[in-house]
């Protein structure tokens, strides 16, 4: 059966979500951090809306790092 060697957009492998996160669980910049309580994937729009809500709540007086 004929099939193209390369397509325009390949589907990426997402891996699996097993176990607890060992890296990135400590606050490295600043004093306060936001931690997820469940496993799952976050889309770019969800991260951006959370960033906007945090900036709005702090009234742009603090610094915000996304890791």
Protein backbone atom coordinates (compact mmCIF):
# COMPACT_ATOMS: atom_id res chain seq x y z
CA UNK A 1 0.00 0.00 0.00
CA UNK A 2 1.33 3.43 -0.91
CA UNK A 3 1.84 5.89 1.88
CA UNK A 4 3.73 9.21 2.04
CA UNK A 5 7.07 9.17 3.82
CA UNK A 6 6.40 12.48 5.53
CA UNK A 7 3.17 14.32 6.26
CA UNK A 8 2.64 18.00 7.04
CA UNK A 9 1.60 17.56 10.67
CA UNK A 10 2.62 14.40 12.48
CA UNK A 11 0.74 13.31 15.57
CA UNK A 12 3.02 13.59 18.59
CA UNK A 13 3.36 10.84 21.14
CA UNK A 14 2.13 12.14 24.49
CA UNK A 15 3.64 9.48 26.74
CA UNK A 16 1.94 8.40 29.93
CA UNK A 17 1.23 10.01 33.28
CA UNK A 18 2.44 7.60 35.93
CA UNK A 19 3.65 8.33 39.43
CA UNK A 20 4.36 11.57 41.22
CA UNK A 21 6.43 14.46 39.90
CA UNK A 22 9.87 14.48 41.46
CA UNK A 23 11.32 17.42 39.57
CA UNK A 24 9.86 20.91 39.55
CA UNK A 25 7.90 20.46 42.77
CA UNK A 26 9.84 23.04 44.81
CA UNK A 27 9.54 26.81 44.50
CA UNK A 28 12.78 27.99 42.92
CA UNK A 29 11.88 31.64 42.24
CA UNK A 30 9.94 33.79 44.69
CA UNK A 31 8.13 32.82 47.87
CA UNK A 32 4.70 31.51 46.84
CA UNK A 33 3.89 28.81 44.30
CA UNK A 34 0.86 27.26 42.66
CA UNK A 35 0.76 23.46 42.72
CA UNK A 36 -1.48 21.06 40.82
CA UNK A 37 -3.46 18.56 42.88
CA UNK A 38 -4.20 16.07 40.08
CA UNK A 39 -2.34 14.69 37.10
CA UNK A 40 -3.26 15.85 33.64
CA UNK A 41 -2.29 17.86 30.59
CA UNK A 42 -2.57 21.64 30.41
CA UNK A 43 -3.14 23.46 27.15
CA UNK A 44 -1.53 26.75 26.26
CA UNK A 45 -4.82 28.64 26.70
CA UNK A 46 -5.31 27.26 30.22
CA UNK A 47 -1.82 28.37 31.27
CA UNK A 48 -2.37 31.82 29.75
CA UNK A 49 -5.76 32.30 31.47
CA UNK A 50 -4.23 31.29 34.82
CA UNK A 51 -1.39 33.76 34.27
CA UNK A 52 -3.84 36.57 33.48
CA UNK A 53 -5.92 35.78 36.59
CA UNK A 54 -2.81 35.82 38.83
CA UNK A 55 -1.60 39.12 37.35
CA UNK A 56 -5.06 40.65 37.80
CA UNK A 57 -5.29 39.46 41.41
CA UNK A 58 -1.85 40.77 42.39
CA UNK A 59 -2.60 44.09 40.64
CA UNK A 60 0.73 43.86 38.78
CA UNK A 61 2.75 44.54 41.96
CA UNK A 62 4.55 41.21 42.04
CA UNK A 63 6.70 39.23 39.66
CA UNK A 64 5.44 36.05 38.02
CA UNK A 65 7.57 33.17 36.75
CA UNK A 66 6.19 30.30 34.72
CA UNK A 67 8.20 27.10 34.83
